Each structure stands twice: as C-alpha cells, then as structure tokens.
C-alpha cells in the first residue's frame, strides 16, 4: 500500500485545523458571560443567567435584581 499523496495530506491538515478553530470559537463564545446581566430590554427588564447557589441548609437560590446578584440564603 503506498502512502497518501501530498495533496491529500494538505487537505487532511486543513480539515483538522478548521475543526480545532471551530471548537475554539464556539467555546470562546461563553467566556465571561456566566454572571453578567443581559442588556435591558425595551421596558427596562433585565435577564439573569440561570445559575444557582447552594445554601448551607441545602436549599438553592438564584440570581435576581438589576445586578443579577444571588438572592440571600433563607
């Protein structure tokens, strides 16, 4: 069996580079957005990310308010 031609090797390398680049771009889209509020809508409402903090008593609280801060534990 003879080895693949140089042209095929170049194509394979380009496909691998494109896949790695796509993973980096898609993965980078979420960086830094975990705790930032969404910009206010037309009526001034703010959307917060859906995260939860587990309190010492085992209950969970989410983010709320204009700064999307965690609600106090009960």
C-alpha atoms as a PDB file:
ATOM      1  CA  UNK A   1       0.000   0.000   0.000  1.00  0.00           C
ATOM      2  CA  UNK A   2       1.507   3.323  -0.980  1.00  0.00           C
ATOM      3  CA  UNK A   3       1.256   6.390   1.295  1.00  0.00           C
ATOM      4  CA  UNK A   4      -1.341   9.107   0.587  1.00  0.00           C
ATOM      5  CA  UNK A   5      -0.319  11.863  -1.788  1.00  0.00           C
ATOM      6  CA  UNK A   6       0.920  15.215  -0.541  1.00  0.00           C
ATOM      7  CA  UNK A   7      -2.284  16.845  -1.752  1.00  0.00           C
ATOM      8  CA  UNK A   8      -4.409  14.595   0.479  1.00  0.00           C
ATOM      9  CA  UNK A   9      -2.114  15.259   3.437  1.00  0.00           C
ATOM     10  CA  UNK A  10      -2.640  19.005   2.986  1.00  0.00           C
ATOM     11  CA  UNK A  11      -6.414  18.534   2.806  1.00  0.00           C
ATOM     12  CA  UNK A  12      -6.421  16.450   5.985  1.00  0.00           C
ATOM     13  CA  UNK A  13      -4.310  19.024   7.853  1.00  0.00           C
ATOM     14  CA  UNK A  14      -6.604  21.852   6.728  1.00  0.00           C
ATOM     15  CA  UNK A  15      -9.697  19.946   7.908  1.00  0.00           C
ATOM     16  CA  UNK A  16      -8.106  19.309  11.315  1.00  0.00           C
ATOM     17  CA  UNK A  17      -7.106  22.977  11.666  1.00  0.00           C
ATOM     18  CA  UNK A  18     -10.633  24.089  10.701  1.00  0.00           C
ATOM     19  CA  UNK A  19     -12.194  21.753  13.272  1.00  0.00           C
ATOM     20  CA  UNK A  20      -9.868  22.964  16.034  1.00  0.00           C
ATOM     21  CA  UNK A  21     -10.619  26.573  15.077  1.00  0.00           C
ATOM     22  CA  UNK A  22     -14.364  25.932  15.209  1.00  0.00           C
ATOM     23  CA  UNK A  23     -14.074  24.395  18.672  1.00  0.00           C
ATOM     24  CA  UNK A  24     -12.056  27.383  19.925  1.00  0.00           C
ATOM     25  CA  UNK A  25     -14.542  29.910  18.503  1.00  0.00           C
ATOM     26  CA  UNK A  26     -17.625  28.116  19.812  1.00  0.00           C
ATOM     27  CA  UNK A  27     -16.026  27.534  23.214  1.00  0.00           C
ATOM     28  CA  UNK A  28     -14.915  31.161  23.464  1.00  0.00           C
ATOM     29  CA  UNK A  29     -18.445  32.480  22.971  1.00  0.00           C
ATOM     30  CA  UNK A  30     -19.399  31.559  26.547  1.00  0.00           C
ATOM     31  CA  UNK A  31     -16.365  33.035  28.279  1.00  0.00           C
ATOM     32  CA  UNK A  32     -17.221  35.915  30.587  1.00  0.00           C
ATOM     33  CA  UNK A  33     -20.993  35.670  30.218  1.00  0.00           C
ATOM     34  CA  UNK A  34     -21.794  33.474  33.210  1.00  0.00           C
ATOM     35  CA  UNK A  35     -22.629  36.233  35.693  1.00  0.00           C
ATOM     36  CA  UNK A  36     -23.272  39.311  33.576  1.00  0.00           C
ATOM     37  CA  UNK A  37     -26.824  40.547  33.165  1.00  0.00           C
ATOM     38  CA  UNK A  38     -28.329  40.618  29.721  1.00  0.00           C
ATOM     39  CA  UNK A  39     -28.701  44.219  28.458  1.00  0.00           C
ATOM     40  CA  UNK A  40     -32.032  45.763  29.444  1.00  0.00           C
ATOM     41  CA  UNK A  41     -34.923  45.236  27.098  1.00  0.00           C
ATOM     42  CA  UNK A  42     -37.243  47.934  25.758  1.00  0.00           C
ATOM     43  CA  UNK A  43     -39.149  48.145  29.060  1.00  0.00           C
ATOM     44  CA  UNK A  44     -36.025  48.146  31.245  1.00  0.00           C
ATOM     45  CA  UNK A  45     -36.283  44.494  32.311  1.00  0.00           C
ATOM     46  CA  UNK A  46     -33.062  42.553  32.847  1.00  0.00           C
ATOM     47  CA  UNK A  47     -32.486  38.845  32.222  1.00  0.00           C
ATOM     48  CA  UNK A  48     -30.089  36.956  34.501  1.00  0.00           C
ATOM     49  CA  UNK A  49     -28.278  33.701  33.868  1.00  0.00           C
ATOM     50  CA  UNK A  50     -29.866  30.554  35.291  1.00  0.00           C
ATOM     51  CA  UNK A  51     -27.329  29.681  37.960  1.00  0.00           C
ATOM     52  CA  UNK A  52     -27.985  28.530  41.491  1.00  0.00           C
ATOM     53  CA  UNK A  53     -26.082  28.849  44.747  1.00  0.00           C
ATOM     54  CA  UNK A  54     -26.457  26.044  47.252  1.00  0.00           C
ATOM     55  CA  UNK A  55     -27.047  27.435  50.745  1.00  0.00           C
ATOM     56  CA  UNK A  56     -25.679  25.844  53.940  1.00  0.00           C
ATOM     57  CA  UNK A  57     -29.121  24.399  54.746  1.00  0.00           C
ATOM     58  CA  UNK A  58     -29.261  22.617  51.366  1.00  0.00           C
ATOM     59  CA  UNK A  59     -31.696  24.970  49.626  1.00  0.00           C
ATOM     60  CA  UNK A  60     -30.783  26.767  46.400  1.00  0.00           C
ATOM     61  CA  UNK A  61     -31.184  30.424  45.451  1.00  0.00           C
ATOM     62  CA  UNK A  62     -30.907  32.018  42.011  1.00  0.00           C
ATOM     63  CA  UNK A  63     -29.837  35.371  40.647  1.00  0.00           C
ATOM     64  CA  UNK A  64     -32.254  38.292  40.731  1.00  0.00           C
ATOM     65  CA  UNK A  65     -32.485  42.059  40.710  1.00  0.00           C
ATOM     66  CA  UNK A  66     -31.000  44.628  38.340  1.00  0.00           C
ATOM     67  CA  UNK A  67     -27.410  43.485  39.047  1.00  0.00           C
ATOM     68  CA  UNK A  68     -28.209  39.761  38.829  1.00  0.00           C
ATOM     69  CA  UNK A  69     -26.818  39.090  42.293  1.00  0.00           C
ATOM     70  CA  UNK A  70     -27.614  35.902  44.178  1.00  0.00           C
ATOM     71  CA  UNK A  71     -30.608  36.208  46.483  1.00  0.00           C
ATOM     72  CA  UNK A  72     -29.763  35.830  50.192  1.00  0.00           C
ATOM     73  CA  UNK A  73     -29.960  32.358  51.671  1.00  0.00           C
ATOM     74  CA  UNK A  74     -33.040  31.715  53.841  1.00  0.00           C
END
